[in-house]
Amino acid sequence: VQLQAFGGGLVQAGGSLRLSCAASGRAFGGCAMGWFRQAPGKVREFVAAVTWSGRSTSYADSVKGRFTISRGDARSTVFLQMNSLKPEDTAVYYCAAKYPGEYSGNWDYALMNYWGQGTEVTVSS
């Protein structure tokens, strides 16, 4: 399974960005997917997740009401719409996949099955 994340960039505080993560590979199918981020000198933290069906989502408290996670029609792509960005959102953002598809447990980075490469988001004040 390969996960490819893209869409990062430089944006001013209050602006928006949309990240995408595309999954491929014969082993992929039926995964819940999520986004994590890691700022310099900090541990990787959970941001948002969505189940395979798309019916269930979860968010970190720090992004609730500002970020929205969704899946594409083909289920193999996940989007993270980030609005009202703040300087503290600056980080490298990673997408991850977790079995089973309707996973409802803790989104601990150590439990993820697959990782994509990061895409950098910088929010200037």
PDB file of N, CA and C in Angstrom:
ATOM      1  N   VAL A   1       0.838  -1.174   0.000  1.00  0.00           N
ATOM      2  CA  VAL A   1       0.000   0.000   0.000  1.00  0.00           C
ATOM      3  C   VAL A   1       0.882   1.236   0.000  1.00  0.00           C
ATOM      4  N   GLN A   2       0.563   2.146  -0.890  1.00  0.00           N
ATOM      5  CA  GLN A   2       1.297   3.410  -0.934  1.00  0.00           C
ATOM      6  C   GLN A   2       0.309   4.543  -0.694  1.00  0.00           C
ATOM      7  N   LEU A   3       0.715   5.465   0.138  1.00  0.00           N
ATOM      8  CA  LEU A   3      -0.085   6.653   0.404  1.00  0.00           C
ATOM      9  C   LEU A   3       0.718   7.862  -0.030  1.00  0.00           C
ATOM     10  N   GLN A   4       0.100   8.713  -0.814  1.00  0.00           N
ATOM     11  CA  GLN A   4       0.787   9.905  -1.283  1.00  0.00           C
ATOM     12  C   GLN A   4      -0.012  11.131  -0.877  1.00  0.00           C
ATOM     13  N   ALA A   5       0.610  11.981  -0.094  1.00  0.00           N
ATOM     14  CA  ALA A   5      -0.053  13.201   0.382  1.00  0.00           C
ATOM     15  C   ALA A   5       0.478  14.396  -0.377  1.00  0.00           C
ATOM     16  N   PHE A   6      -0.401  15.340  -0.663  1.00  0.00           N
ATOM     17  CA  PHE A   6       0.026  16.569  -1.316  1.00  0.00           C
ATOM     18  C   PHE A   6      -0.982  17.673  -1.013  1.00  0.00           C
ATOM     19  N   GLY A   7      -0.599  18.896  -1.352  1.00  0.00           N
ATOM     20  CA  GLY A   7      -1.482  20.037  -1.129  1.00  0.00           C
ATOM     21  C   GLY A   7      -0.977  21.028  -0.104  1.00  0.00           C
ATOM     22  N   GLY A   8       0.154  20.748   0.533  1.00  0.00           N
ATOM     23  CA  GLY A   8       0.680  21.677   1.517  1.00  0.00           C
ATOM     24  C   GLY A   8       1.202  22.940   0.856  1.00  0.00           C
ATOM     25  N   GLY A   9       1.559  23.916   1.678  1.00  0.00           N
ATOM     26  CA  GLY A   9       2.080  25.155   1.153  1.00  0.00           C
ATOM     27  C   GLY A   9       2.157  26.216   2.227  1.00  0.00           C
ATOM     28  N   LEU A  10       2.387  27.426   1.771  1.00  0.00           N
ATOM     29  CA  LEU A  10       2.478  28.579   2.661  1.00  0.00           C
ATOM     30  C   LEU A  10       1.198  29.392   2.542  1.00  0.00           C
ATOM     31  N   VAL A  11       0.611  29.717   3.679  1.00  0.00           N
ATOM     32  CA  VAL A  11      -0.633  30.473   3.677  1.00  0.00           C
ATOM     33  C   VAL A  11      -0.628  31.432   4.865  1.00  0.00           C
ATOM     34  N   GLN A  12      -1.318  32.536   4.729  1.00  0.00           N
ATOM     35  CA  GLN A  12      -1.419  33.482   5.829  1.00  0.00           C
ATOM     36  C   GLN A  12      -2.457  33.015   6.843  1.00  0.00           C
ATOM     37  N   ALA A  13      -2.293  33.451   8.070  1.00  0.00           N
ATOM     38  CA  ALA A  13      -3.257  33.129   9.121  1.00  0.00           C
ATOM     39  C   ALA A  13      -4.659  33.554   8.679  1.00  0.00           C
ATOM     40  N   GLY A  14      -5.617  32.677   8.929  1.00  0.00           N
ATOM     41  CA  GLY A  14      -6.989  32.922   8.503  1.00  0.00           C
ATOM     42  C   GLY A  14      -7.314  32.322   7.149  1.00  0.00           C
ATOM     43  N   GLY A  15      -6.297  31.882   6.449  1.00  0.00           N
ATOM     44  CA  GLY A  15      -6.485  31.305   5.126  1.00  0.00           C
ATOM     45  C   GLY A  15      -6.868  29.838   5.166  1.00  0.00           C
ATOM     46  N   SER A  16      -6.931  29.231   3.981  1.00  0.00           N
ATOM     47  CA  SER A  16      -7.358  27.842   3.846  1.00  0.00           C
ATOM     48  C   SER A  16      -6.397  27.066   2.955  1.00  0.00           C
ATOM     49  N   LEU A  17      -6.350  25.781   3.204  1.00  0.00           N
ATOM     50  CA  LEU A  17      -5.623  24.843   2.358  1.00  0.00           C
ATOM     51  C   LEU A  17      -6.408  23.548   2.320  1.00  0.00           C
ATOM     52  N   ARG A  18      -6.239  22.803   1.237  1.00  0.00           N
ATOM     53  CA  ARG A  18      -6.864  21.493   1.135  1.00  0.00           C
ATOM     54  C   ARG A  18      -5.791  20.457   0.857  1.00  0.00           C
ATOM     55  N   LEU A  19      -5.646  19.524   1.775  1.00  0.00           N
ATOM     56  CA  LEU A  19      -4.692  18.443   1.598  1.00  0.00           C
ATOM     57  C   LEU A  19      -5.406  17.232   0.999  1.00  0.00           C
ATOM     58  N   SER A  20      -4.673  16.476   0.212  1.00  0.00           N
ATOM     59  CA  SER A  20      -5.207  15.249  -0.368  1.00  0.00           C
ATOM     60  C   SER A  20      -4.247  14.105  -0.075  1.00  0.00           C
ATOM     61  N   CYS A  21      -4.805  12.919   0.043  1.00  0.00           N
ATOM     62  CA  CYS A  21      -3.996  11.720   0.229  1.00  0.00           C
ATOM     63  C   CYS A  21      -4.582  10.635  -0.659  1.00  0.00           C
ATOM     64  N   ALA A  22      -3.774  10.135  -1.567  1.00  0.00           N
ATOM     65  CA  ALA A  22      -4.225   9.098  -2.485  1.00  0.00           C
ATOM     66  C   ALA A  22      -3.593   7.769  -2.109  1.00  0.00           C
ATOM     67  N   ALA A  23      -4.416   6.737  -1.983  1.00  0.00           N
ATOM     68  CA  ALA A  23      -3.935   5.405  -1.631  1.00  0.00           C
ATOM     69  C   ALA A  23      -3.930   4.512  -2.854  1.00  0.00           C
ATOM     70  N   SER A  24      -2.933   3.655  -2.955  1.00  0.00           N
ATOM     71  CA  SER A  24      -2.858   2.721  -4.070  1.00  0.00           C
ATOM     72  C   SER A  24      -2.193   1.431  -3.609  1.00  0.00           C
ATOM     73  N   GLY A  25      -2.282   0.414  -4.438  1.00  0.00           N
ATOM     74  CA  GLY A  25      -1.676  -0.863  -4.087  1.00  0.00           C
ATOM     75  C   GLY A  25      -2.719  -1.940  -3.931  1.00  0.00           C
ATOM     76  N   ARG A  26      -2.350  -3.159  -4.296  1.00  0.00           N
ATOM     77  CA  ARG A  26      -3.310  -4.257  -4.279  1.00  0.00           C
ATOM     78  C   ARG A  26      -3.797  -4.577  -2.883  1.00  0.00           C
ATOM     79  N   ALA A  27      -2.972  -4.298  -1.882  1.00  0.00           N
ATOM     80  CA  ALA A  27      -3.352  -4.631  -0.512  1.00  0.00           C
ATOM     81  C   ALA A  27      -4.317  -3.625   0.081  1.00  0.00           C
ATOM     82  N   PHE A  28      -4.489  -2.486  -0.595  1.00  0.00           N
ATOM     83  CA  PHE A  28      -5.348  -1.453  -0.020  1.00  0.00           C
ATOM     84  C   PHE A  28      -6.803  -1.795  -0.255  1.00  0.00           C
ATOM     85  N   GLY A  29      -7.576  -1.620   0.720  1.00  0.00           N
ATOM     86  CA  GLY A  29      -9.007  -1.840   0.587  1.00  0.00           C
ATOM     87  C   GLY A  29      -9.599  -1.902   1.976  1.00  0.00           C
ATOM     88  N   GLY A  30     -10.597  -1.088   2.205  1.00  0.00           N
ATOM     89  CA  GLY A  30     -11.273  -1.155   3.484  1.00  0.00           C
ATOM     90  C   GLY A  30     -10.510  -0.580   4.650  1.00  0.00           C
ATOM     91  N   CYS A  31      -9.725   0.440   4.434  1.00  0.00           N
ATOM     92  CA  CYS A  31      -8.997   1.081   5.528  1.00  0.00           C
ATOM     93  C   CYS A  31      -9.697   2.344   5.996  1.00  0.00           C
ATOM     94  N   ALA A  32      -9.671   2.561   7.296  1.00  0.00           N
ATOM     95  CA  ALA A  32      -9.955   3.888   7.812  1.00  0.00           C
ATOM     96  C   ALA A  32      -8.707   4.723   7.525  1.00  0.00           C
ATOM     97  N   MET A  33      -8.876   6.023   7.362  1.00  0.00           N
ATOM     98  CA  MET A  33      -7.721   6.866   7.045  1.00  0.00           C
ATOM     99  C   MET A  33      -7.729   8.105   7.913  1.00  0.00           C
ATOM    100  N   GLY A  34      -6.542   8.587   8.188  1.00  0.00           N
ATOM    101  CA  GLY A  34      -6.446   9.744   9.058  1.00  0.00           C
ATOM    102  C   GLY A  34      -5.286  10.638   8.694  1.00  0.00           C
ATOM    103  N   TRP A  35      -5.260  11.777   9.349  1.00  0.00           N
ATOM    104  CA  TRP A  35      -4.181  12.753   9.198  1.00  0.00           C
ATOM    105  C   TRP A  35      -3.543  12.988  10.560  1.00  0.00           C
ATOM    106  N   PHE A  36      -2.233  13.071  10.544  1.00  0.00           N
ATOM    107  CA  PHE A  36      -1.448  13.448  11.705  1.00  0.00           C
ATOM    108  C   PHE A  36      -0.579  14.627  11.307  1.00  0.00           C
ATOM    109  N   ARG A  37      -0.010  15.284  12.296  1.00  0.00           N
ATOM    110  CA  ARG A  37       0.929  16.364  11.989  1.00  0.00           C
ATOM    111  C   ARG A  37       2.049  16.376  13.015  1.00  0.00           C
ATOM    112  N   GLN A  38       3.174  16.895  12.584  1.00  0.00           N
ATOM    113  CA  GLN A  38       4.328  16.979  13.469  1.00  0.00           C
ATOM    114  C   GLN A  38       5.023  18.306  13.246  1.00  0.00           C
ATOM    115  N   ALA A  39       5.021  19.118  14.294  1.00  0.00           N
ATOM    116  CA  ALA A  39       5.708  20.399  14.264  1.00  0.00           C
ATOM    117  C   ALA A  39       7.146  20.179  14.727  1.00  0.00           C
ATOM    118  N   PRO A  40       8.053  21.071  14.352  1.00  0.00           N
ATOM    119  CA  PRO A  40       9.456  20.919  14.766  1.00  0.00           C
ATOM    120  C   PRO A  40       9.593  20.791  16.273  1.00  0.00           C
ATOM    121  N   GLY A  41      10.315  19.772  16.704  1.00  0.00           N
ATOM    122  CA  GLY A  41      10.559  19.577  18.119  1.00  0.00           C
ATOM    123  C   GLY A  41       9.404  18.989  18.902  1.00  0.00           C
ATOM    124  N   LYS A  42       8.346  18.616  18.212  1.00  0.00           N
ATOM    125  CA  LYS A  42       7.164  18.083  18.902  1.00  0.00           C
ATOM    126  C   LYS A  42       6.866  16.668  18.417  1.00  0.00           C
ATOM    127  N   VAL A  43       6.056  15.967  19.190  1.00  0.00           N
ATOM    128  CA  VAL A  43       5.672  14.625  18.796  1.00  0.00           C
ATOM    129  C   VAL A  43       4.580  14.696  17.731  1.00  0.00           C
ATOM    130  N   ARG A  44       4.477  13.599  16.985  1.00  0.00           N
ATOM    131  CA  ARG A  44       3.432  13.521  15.971  1.00  0.00           C
ATOM    132  C   ARG A  44       2.081  13.399  16.663  1.00  0.00           C
ATOM    133  N   GLU A  45       1.125  14.209  16.215  1.00  0.00           N
ATOM    134  CA  GLU A  45      -0.179  14.221  16.874  1.00  0.00           C
ATOM    135  C   GLU A  45      -1.304  13.978  15.879  1.00  0.00           C
ATOM    136  N   PHE A  46      -2.363  13.396  16.395  1.00  0.00           N
ATOM    137  CA  PHE A  46      -3.552  13.114  15.602  1.00  0.00           C
ATOM    138  C   PHE A  46      -4.268  14.404  15.232  1.00  0.00           C
ATOM    139  N   VAL A  47      -4.788  14.441  14.019  1.00  0.00           N
ATOM    140  CA  VAL A  47      -5.546  15.609  13.557  1.00  0.00           C
ATOM    141  C   VAL A  47      -6.997  15.223  13.263  1.00  0.00           C
ATOM    142  N   ALA A  48      -7.196  14.257  12.381  1.00  0.00           N
ATOM    143  CA  ALA A  48      -8.553  13.884  11.988  1.00  0.00           C
ATOM    144  C   ALA A  48      -8.540  12.497  11.368  1.00  0.00           C
ATOM    145  N   ALA A  49      -9.699  11.831  11.384  1.00  0.00           N
ATOM    146  CA  ALA A  49      -9.804  10.501  10.796  1.00  0.00           C
ATOM    147  C   ALA A  49     -11.201  10.286  10.249  1.00  0.00           C
ATOM    148  N   VAL A  50     -11.293   9.376   9.298  1.00  0.00           N
ATOM    149  CA  VAL A  50     -12.587   9.030   8.692  1.00  0.00           C
ATOM    150  C   VAL A  50     -12.597   7.535   8.422  1.00  0.00           C
ATOM    151  N   THR A  51     -13.740   6.920   8.631  1.00  0.00           N
ATOM    152  CA  THR A  51     -13.853   5.492   8.381  1.00  0.00           C
ATOM    153  C   THR A  51     -13.966   5.201   6.892  1.00  0.00           C
ATOM    154  N   TRP A  52     -13.841   3.928   6.540  1.00  0.00           N
ATOM    155  CA  TRP A  52     -13.931   3.505   5.143  1.00  0.00           C
ATOM    156  C   TRP A  52     -15.237   3.971   4.517  1.00  0.00           C
ATOM    157  N   SER A  53     -16.335   3.807   5.239  1.00  0.00           N
ATOM    158  CA  SER A  53     -17.649   4.187   4.709  1.00  0.00           C
ATOM    159  C   SER A  53     -17.823   5.697   4.618  1.00  0.00           C
ATOM    160  N   GLY A  54     -17.020   6.427   5.381  1.00  0.00           N
ATOM    161  CA  GLY A  54     -17.180   7.871   5.422  1.00  0.00           C
ATOM    162  C   GLY A  54     -18.239   8.336   6.393  1.00  0.00           C
ATOM    163  N   ARG A  55     -18.900   7.381   7.059  1.00  0.00           N
ATOM    164  CA  ARG A  55     -20.006   7.770   7.937  1.00  0.00           C
ATOM    165  C   ARG A  55     -19.539   8.292   9.288  1.00  0.00           C
ATOM    166  N   SER A  56     -18.327   7.972   9.673  1.00  0.00           N
ATOM    167  CA  SER A  56     -17.843   8.392  10.986  1.00  0.00           C
ATOM    168  C   SER A  56     -16.532   9.155  10.855  1.00  0.00           C
ATOM    169  N   THR A  57     -16.463  10.286  11.535  1.00  0.00           N
ATOM    170  CA  THR A  57     -15.244  11.091  11.544  1.00  0.00           C
ATOM    171  C   THR A  57     -14.876  11.429  12.982  1.00  0.00           C
ATOM    172  N   SER A  58     -13.626  11.761  13.189  1.00  0.00           N
ATOM    173  CA  SER A  58     -13.167  12.217  14.496  1.00  0.00           C
ATOM    174  C   SER A  58     -12.103  13.276  14.298  1.00  0.00           C
ATOM    175  N   TYR A  59     -11.998  14.175  15.260  1.00  0.00           N
ATOM    176  CA  TYR A  59     -11.088  15.315  15.154  1.00  0.00           C
ATOM    177  C   TYR A  59     -10.394  15.578  16.491  1.00  0.00           C
ATOM    178  N   ALA A  60      -9.202  16.098  16.392  1.00  0.00           N
ATOM    179  CA  ALA A  60      -8.543  16.618  17.578  1.00  0.00           C
ATOM    180  C   ALA A  60      -9.269  17.883  18.010  1.00  0.00           C
ATOM    181  N   ASP A  61      -9.302  18.141  19.296  1.00  0.00           N
ATOM    182  CA  ASP A  61     -10.007  19.323  19.798  1.00  0.00           C
ATOM    183  C   ASP A  61      -9.462  20.608  19.179  1.00  0.00           C
ATOM    184  N   SER A  62      -8.177  20.627  18.906  1.00  0.00           N
ATOM    185  CA  SER A  62      -7.532  21.846  18.405  1.00  0.00           C
ATOM    186  C   SER A  62      -7.982  22.234  16.999  1.00  0.00           C
ATOM    187  N   VAL A  63      -8.595  21.299  16.268  1.00  0.00           N
ATOM    188  CA  VAL A  63      -8.989  21.602  14.882  1.00  0.00           C
ATOM    189  C   VAL A  63     -10.495  21.519  14.666  1.00  0.00           C
ATOM    190  N   LYS A  64     -11.234  21.120  15.669  1.00  0.00           N
ATOM    191  CA  LYS A  64     -12.689  20.999  15.529  1.00  0.00           C
ATOM    192  C   LYS A  64     -13.302  22.324  15.121  1.00  0.00           C
ATOM    193  N   GLY A  65     -14.194  22.247  14.138  1.00  0.00           N
ATOM    194  CA  GLY A  65     -14.862  23.447  13.656  1.00  0.00           C
ATOM    195  C   GLY A  65     -14.074  24.187  12.591  1.00  0.00           C
ATOM    196  N   ARG A  66     -12.818  23.819  12.392  1.00  0.00           N
ATOM    197  CA  ARG A  66     -11.991  24.483  11.368  1.00  0.00           C
ATOM    198  C   ARG A  66     -11.576  23.535  10.260  1.00  0.00           C
ATOM    199  N   PHE A  67     -11.344  22.284  10.596  1.00  0.00           N
ATOM    200  CA  PHE A  67     -10.895  21.284   9.623  1.00  0.00           C
ATOM    201  C   PHE A  67     -12.032  20.310   9.343  1.00  0.00           C
ATOM    202  N   THR A  68     -12.079  19.827   8.109  1.00  0.00           N
ATOM    203  CA  THR A  68     -13.061  18.817   7.725  1.00  0.00           C
ATOM    204  C   THR A  68     -12.374  17.720   6.931  1.00  0.00           C
ATOM    205  N   ILE A  69     -12.559  16.483   7.365  1.00  0.00           N
ATOM    206  CA  ILE A  69     -11.995  15.344   6.648  1.00  0.00           C
ATOM    207  C   ILE A  69     -13.104  14.667   5.858  1.00  0.00           C
ATOM    208  N   SER A  70     -12.774  14.200   4.665  1.00  0.00           N
ATOM    209  CA  SER A  70     -13.773  13.519   3.844  1.00  0.00           C
ATOM    210  C   SER A  70     -13.074  12.534   2.922  1.00  0.00           C
ATOM    211  N   ARG A  71     -13.844  11.624   2.369  1.00  0.00           N
ATOM    212  CA  ARG A  71     -13.306  10.652   1.416  1.00  0.00           C
ATOM    213  C   ARG A  71     -13.873  10.947   0.036  1.00  0.00           C
ATOM    214  N   GLY A  72     -13.072  10.655  -0.969  1.00  0.00           N
ATOM    215  CA  GLY A  72     -13.545  10.781  -2.334  1.00  0.00           C
ATOM    216  C   GLY A  72     -14.511   9.664  -2.675  1.00  0.00           C
ATOM    217  N   ASP A  73     -15.169   9.791  -3.793  1.00  0.00           N
ATOM    218  CA  ASP A  73     -16.162   8.795  -4.206  1.00  0.00           C
ATOM    219  C   ASP A  73     -15.550   7.406  -4.361  1.00  0.00           C
ATOM    220  N   ALA A  74     -14.305   7.329  -4.755  1.00  0.00           N
ATOM    221  CA  ALA A  74     -13.642   6.049  -4.960  1.00  0.00           C
ATOM    222  C   ALA A  74     -13.062   5.486  -3.679  1.00  0.00           C
ATOM    223  N   ARG A  75     -13.227   6.184  -2.579  1.00  0.00           N
ATOM    224  CA  ARG A  75     -12.774   5.749  -1.247  1.00  0.00           C
ATOM    225  C   ARG A  75     -11.266   5.696  -1.087  1.00  0.00           C
ATOM    226  N   SER A  76     -10.518   5.758  -2.161  1.00  0.00           N
ATOM    227  CA  SER A  76      -9.064   5.636  -2.042  1.00  0.00           C
ATOM    228  C   SER A  76      -8.377   6.978  -1.860  1.00  0.00           C
ATOM    229  N   THR A  77      -9.163   8.042  -1.840  1.00  0.00           N
ATOM    230  CA  THR A  77      -8.605   9.374  -1.637  1.00  0.00           C
ATOM    231  C   THR A  77      -9.280  10.024  -0.433  1.00  0.00           C
ATOM    232  N   VAL A  78      -8.471  10.671   0.373  1.00  0.00           N
ATOM    233  CA  VAL A  78      -8.985  11.369   1.544  1.00  0.00           C
ATOM    234  C   VAL A  78      -8.547  12.826   1.462  1.00  0.00           C
ATOM    235  N   PHE A  79      -9.441  13.706   1.850  1.00  0.00           N
ATOM    236  CA  PHE A  79      -9.167  15.133   1.807  1.00  0.00           C
ATOM    237  C   PHE A  79      -9.210  15.702   3.222  1.00  0.00           C
ATOM    238  N   LEU A  80      -8.417  16.729   3.440  1.00  0.00           N
ATOM    239  CA  LEU A  80      -8.483  17.489   4.682  1.00  0.00           C
ATOM    240  C   LEU A  80      -8.600  18.959   4.314  1.00  0.00           C
ATOM    241  N   GLN A  81      -9.797  19.484   4.473  1.00  0.00           N
ATOM    242  CA  GLN A  81     -10.034  20.903   4.226  1.00  0.00           C
ATOM    243  C   GLN A  81      -9.710  21.659   5.498  1.00  0.00           C
ATOM    244  N   MET A  82      -8.765  22.568   5.406  1.00  0.00           N
ATOM    245  CA  MET A  82      -8.311  23.314   6.578  1.00  0.00           C
ATOM    246  C   MET A  82      -8.659  24.781   6.396  1.00  0.00           C
ATOM    247  N   ASN A  83      -9.549  25.284   7.230  1.00  0.00           N
ATOM    248  CA  ASN A  83      -9.975  26.686   7.181  1.00  0.00           C
ATOM    249  C   ASN A  83      -9.537  27.410   8.446  1.00  0.00           C
ATOM    250  N   SER A  84      -9.567  28.709   8.394  1.00  0.00           N
ATOM    251  CA  SER A  84      -9.194  29.538   9.555  1.00  0.00           C
ATOM    252  C   SER A  84      -7.869  29.087  10.146  1.00  0.00           C
ATOM    253  N   LEU A  85      -6.901  28.924   9.290  1.00  0.00           N
ATOM    254  CA  LEU A  85      -5.612  28.409   9.737  1.00  0.00           C
ATOM    255  C   LEU A  85      -4.917  29.375  10.681  1.00  0.00           C
ATOM    256  N   LYS A  86      -4.193  28.788  11.629  1.00  0.00           N
ATOM    257  CA  LYS A  86      -3.467  29.555  12.634  1.00  0.00           C
ATOM    258  C   LYS A  86      -1.979  29.217  12.533  1.00  0.00           C
ATOM    259  N   PRO A  87      -1.122  30.094  13.003  1.00  0.00           N
ATOM    260  CA  PRO A  87       0.315  29.779  12.981  1.00  0.00           C
ATOM    261  C   PRO A  87       0.642  28.468  13.693  1.00  0.00           C
ATOM    262  N   GLU A  88      -0.115  28.134  14.711  1.00  0.00           N
ATOM    263  CA  GLU A  88       0.152  26.884  15.437  1.00  0.00           C
ATOM    264  C   GLU A  88      -0.253  25.641  14.654  1.00  0.00           C
ATOM    265  N   ASP A  89      -0.872  25.807  13.505  1.00  0.00           N
ATOM    266  CA  ASP A  89      -1.160  24.679  12.622  1.00  0.00           C
ATOM    267  C   ASP A  89       0.053  24.333  11.748  1.00  0.00           C
ATOM    268  N   THR A  90       1.076  25.143  11.817  1.00  0.00           N
ATOM    269  CA  THR A  90       2.283  24.889  11.033  1.00  0.00           C
ATOM    270  C   THR A  90       2.908  23.561  11.436  1.00  0.00           C
ATOM    271  N   ALA A  91       3.104  22.685  10.459  1.00  0.00           N
ATOM    272  CA  ALA A  91       3.635  21.340  10.733  1.00  0.00           C
ATOM    273  C   ALA A  91       3.789  20.599   9.417  1.00  0.00           C
ATOM    274  N   VAL A  92       4.419  19.453   9.501  1.00  0.00           N
ATOM    275  CA  VAL A  92       4.381  18.507   8.393  1.00  0.00           C
ATOM    276  C   VAL A  92       3.184  17.592   8.639  1.00  0.00           C
ATOM    277  N   TYR A  93       2.333  17.489   7.646  1.00  0.00           N
ATOM    278  CA  TYR A  93       1.110  16.695   7.765  1.00  0.00           C
ATOM    279  C   TYR A  93       1.300  15.354   7.060  1.00  0.00           C
ATOM    280  N   TYR A  94       0.910  14.284   7.747  1.00  0.00           N
ATOM    281  CA  TYR A  94       1.055  12.919   7.236  1.00  0.00           C
ATOM    282  C   TYR A  94      -0.317  12.260   7.167  1.00  0.00           C
ATOM    283  N   CYS A  95      -0.547  11.508   6.112  1.00  0.00           N
ATOM    284  CA  CYS A  95      -1.744  10.678   6.098  1.00  0.00           C
ATOM    285  C   CYS A  95      -1.371   9.258   6.492  1.00  0.00           C
ATOM    286  N   ALA A  96      -2.345   8.559   7.042  1.00  0.00           N
ATOM    287  CA  ALA A  96      -2.121   7.203   7.528  1.00  0.00           C
ATOM    288  C   ALA A  96      -3.364   6.373   7.276  1.00  0.00           C
ATOM    289  N   ALA A  97      -3.171   5.065   7.178  1.00  0.00           N
ATOM    290  CA  ALA A  97      -4.278   4.133   6.977  1.00  0.00           C
ATOM    291  C   ALA A  97      -4.270   3.096   8.089  1.00  0.00           C
ATOM    292  N   LYS A  98      -5.455   2.712   8.495  1.00  0.00           N
ATOM    293  CA  LYS A  98      -5.603   1.781   9.622  1.00  0.00           C
ATOM    294  C   LYS A  98      -6.710   0.787   9.320  1.00  0.00           C
ATOM    295  N   TYR A  99      -6.388  -0.504   9.490  1.00  0.00           N
ATOM    296  CA  TYR A  99      -7.438  -1.531   9.432  1.00  0.00           C
ATOM    297  C   TYR A  99      -8.061  -1.647  10.811  1.00  0.00           C
ATOM    298  N   PRO A 100      -9.317  -2.030  10.928  1.00  0.00           N
ATOM    299  CA  PRO A 100     -10.289  -2.255   9.856  1.00  0.00           C
ATOM    300  C   PRO A 100     -10.916  -0.962   9.359  1.00  0.00           C
ATOM    301  N   GLY A 101     -11.740  -1.075   8.368  1.00  0.00           N
ATOM    302  CA  GLY A 101     -12.309   0.099   7.740  1.00  0.00           C
ATOM    303  C   GLY A 101     -13.164   0.952   8.648  1.00  0.00           C
ATOM    304  N   GLU A 102     -13.877   0.330   9.571  1.00  0.00           N
ATOM    305  CA  GLU A 102     -14.748   1.085  10.479  1.00  0.00           C
ATOM    306  C   GLU A 102     -14.101   1.211  11.858  1.00  0.00           C
ATOM    307  N   TYR A 103     -12.790   1.306  11.874  1.00  0.00           N
ATOM    308  CA  TYR A 103     -12.037   1.437  13.120  1.00  0.00           C
ATOM    309  C   TYR A 103     -12.570   2.595  13.936  1.00  0.00           C
ATOM    310  N   SER A 104     -12.824   2.336  15.218  1.00  0.00           N
ATOM    311  CA  SER A 104     -13.366   3.378  16.102  1.00  0.00           C
ATOM    312  C   SER A 104     -12.535   3.518  17.369  1.00  0.00           C
ATOM    313  N   GLY A 105     -11.327   2.948  17.354  1.00  0.00           N
ATOM    314  CA  GLY A 105     -10.474   3.027  18.530  1.00  0.00           C
ATOM    315  C   GLY A 105      -9.626   4.283  18.556  1.00  0.00           C
ATOM    316  N   ASN A 106      -8.624   4.248  19.385  1.00  0.00           N
ATOM    317  CA  ASN A 106      -7.720   5.375  19.566  1.00  0.00           C
ATOM    318  C   ASN A 106      -6.818   5.549  18.347  1.00  0.00           C
ATOM    319  N   TRP A 107      -6.698   6.766  17.873  1.00  0.00           N
ATOM    320  CA  TRP A 107      -5.816   7.052  16.744  1.00  0.00           C
ATOM    321  C   TRP A 107      -4.430   7.416  17.262  1.00  0.00           C
ATOM    322  N   ASP A 108      -3.785   6.395  17.777  1.00  0.00           N
ATOM    323  CA  ASP A 108      -2.403   6.496  18.234  1.00  0.00           C
ATOM    324  C   ASP A 108      -1.495   6.258  17.028  1.00  0.00           C
ATOM    325  N   TYR A 109      -0.528   7.122  16.821  1.00  0.00           N
ATOM    326  CA  TYR A 109       0.313   6.997  15.625  1.00  0.00           C
ATOM    327  C   TYR A 109       1.033   5.654  15.593  1.00  0.00           C
ATOM    328  N   ALA A 110       1.283   5.049  16.751  1.00  0.00           N
ATOM    329  CA  ALA A 110       1.985   3.768  16.801  1.00  0.00           C
ATOM    330  C   ALA A 110       1.116   2.612  16.297  1.00  0.00           C
ATOM    331  N   LEU A 111      -0.178   2.828  16.141  1.00  0.00           N
ATOM    332  CA  LEU A 111      -1.087   1.757  15.741  1.00  0.00           C
ATOM    333  C   LEU A 111      -1.402   1.764  14.245  1.00  0.00           C
ATOM    334  N   MET A 112      -0.902   2.758  13.524  1.00  0.00           N
ATOM    335  CA  MET A 112      -1.256   2.851  12.113  1.00  0.00           C
ATOM    336  C   MET A 112      -0.584   1.753  11.296  1.00  0.00           C
ATOM    337  N   ASN A 113      -1.267   1.286  10.247  1.00  0.00           N
ATOM    338  CA  ASN A 113      -0.734   0.227   9.401  1.00  0.00           C
ATOM    339  C   ASN A 113       0.145   0.773   8.273  1.00  0.00           C
ATOM    340  N   TYR A 114      -0.220   1.930   7.742  1.00  0.00           N
ATOM    341  CA  TYR A 114       0.533   2.502   6.622  1.00  0.00           C
ATOM    342  C   TYR A 114       0.647   4.005   6.808  1.00  0.00           C
ATOM    343  N   TRP A 115       1.768   4.534   6.289  1.00  0.00           N
ATOM    344  CA  TRP A 115       2.018   5.973   6.336  1.00  0.00           C
ATOM    345  C   TRP A 115       2.359   6.500   4.952  1.00  0.00           C
ATOM    346  N   GLY A 116       1.949   7.725   4.707  1.00  0.00           N
ATOM    347  CA  GLY A 116       2.394   8.419   3.518  1.00  0.00           C
ATOM    348  C   GLY A 116       3.551   9.335   3.873  1.00  0.00           C
ATOM    349  N   GLN A 117       4.167   9.915   2.829  1.00  0.00           N
ATOM    350  CA  GLN A 117       5.193  10.907   3.101  1.00  0.00           C
ATOM    351  C   GLN A 117       4.497  12.184   3.548  1.00  0.00           C
ATOM    352  N   GLY A 118       5.170  13.071   4.177  1.00  0.00           N
ATOM    353  CA  GLY A 118       4.544  14.277   4.686  1.00  0.00           C
ATOM    354  C   GLY A 118       4.425  15.367   3.639  1.00  0.00           C
ATOM    355  N   THR A 119       3.519  16.283   3.912  1.00  0.00           N
ATOM    356  CA  THR A 119       3.410  17.499   3.113  1.00  0.00           C
ATOM    357  C   THR A 119       3.424  18.668   4.086  1.00  0.00           C
ATOM    358  N   GLU A 120       4.243  19.660   3.780  1.00  0.00           N
ATOM    359  CA  GLU A 120       4.495  20.716   4.737  1.00  0.00           C
ATOM    360  C   GLU A 120       3.475  21.842   4.623  1.00  0.00           C
ATOM    361  N   VAL A 121       2.971  22.249   5.778  1.00  0.00           N
ATOM    362  CA  VAL A 121       2.038  23.369   5.861  1.00  0.00           C
ATOM    363  C   VAL A 121       2.669  24.441   6.739  1.00  0.00           C
ATOM    364  N   THR A 122       2.761  25.638   6.208  1.00  0.00           N
ATOM    365  CA  THR A 122       3.300  26.765   6.964  1.00  0.00           C
ATOM    366  C   THR A 122       2.273  27.882   6.983  1.00  0.00           C
ATOM    367  N   VAL A 123       1.918  28.310   8.178  1.00  0.00           N
ATOM    368  CA  VAL A 123       0.941  29.389   8.335  1.00  0.00           C
ATOM    369  C   VAL A 123       1.660  30.589   8.928  1.00  0.00           C
ATOM    370  N   SER A 124       1.686  31.668   8.182  1.00  0.00           N
ATOM    371  CA  SER A 124       2.376  32.866   8.640  1.00  0.00           C
ATOM    372  C   SER A 124       1.406  33.786   9.375  1.00  0.00           C
ATOM    373  N   SER A 125       1.932  34.492  10.361  1.00  0.00           N
ATOM    374  CA  SER A 125       1.073  35.395  11.151  1.00  0.00           C
ATOM    375  C   SER A 125       1.012  36.773  10.535  1.00  0.00           C
TER     376      SER A 125
END
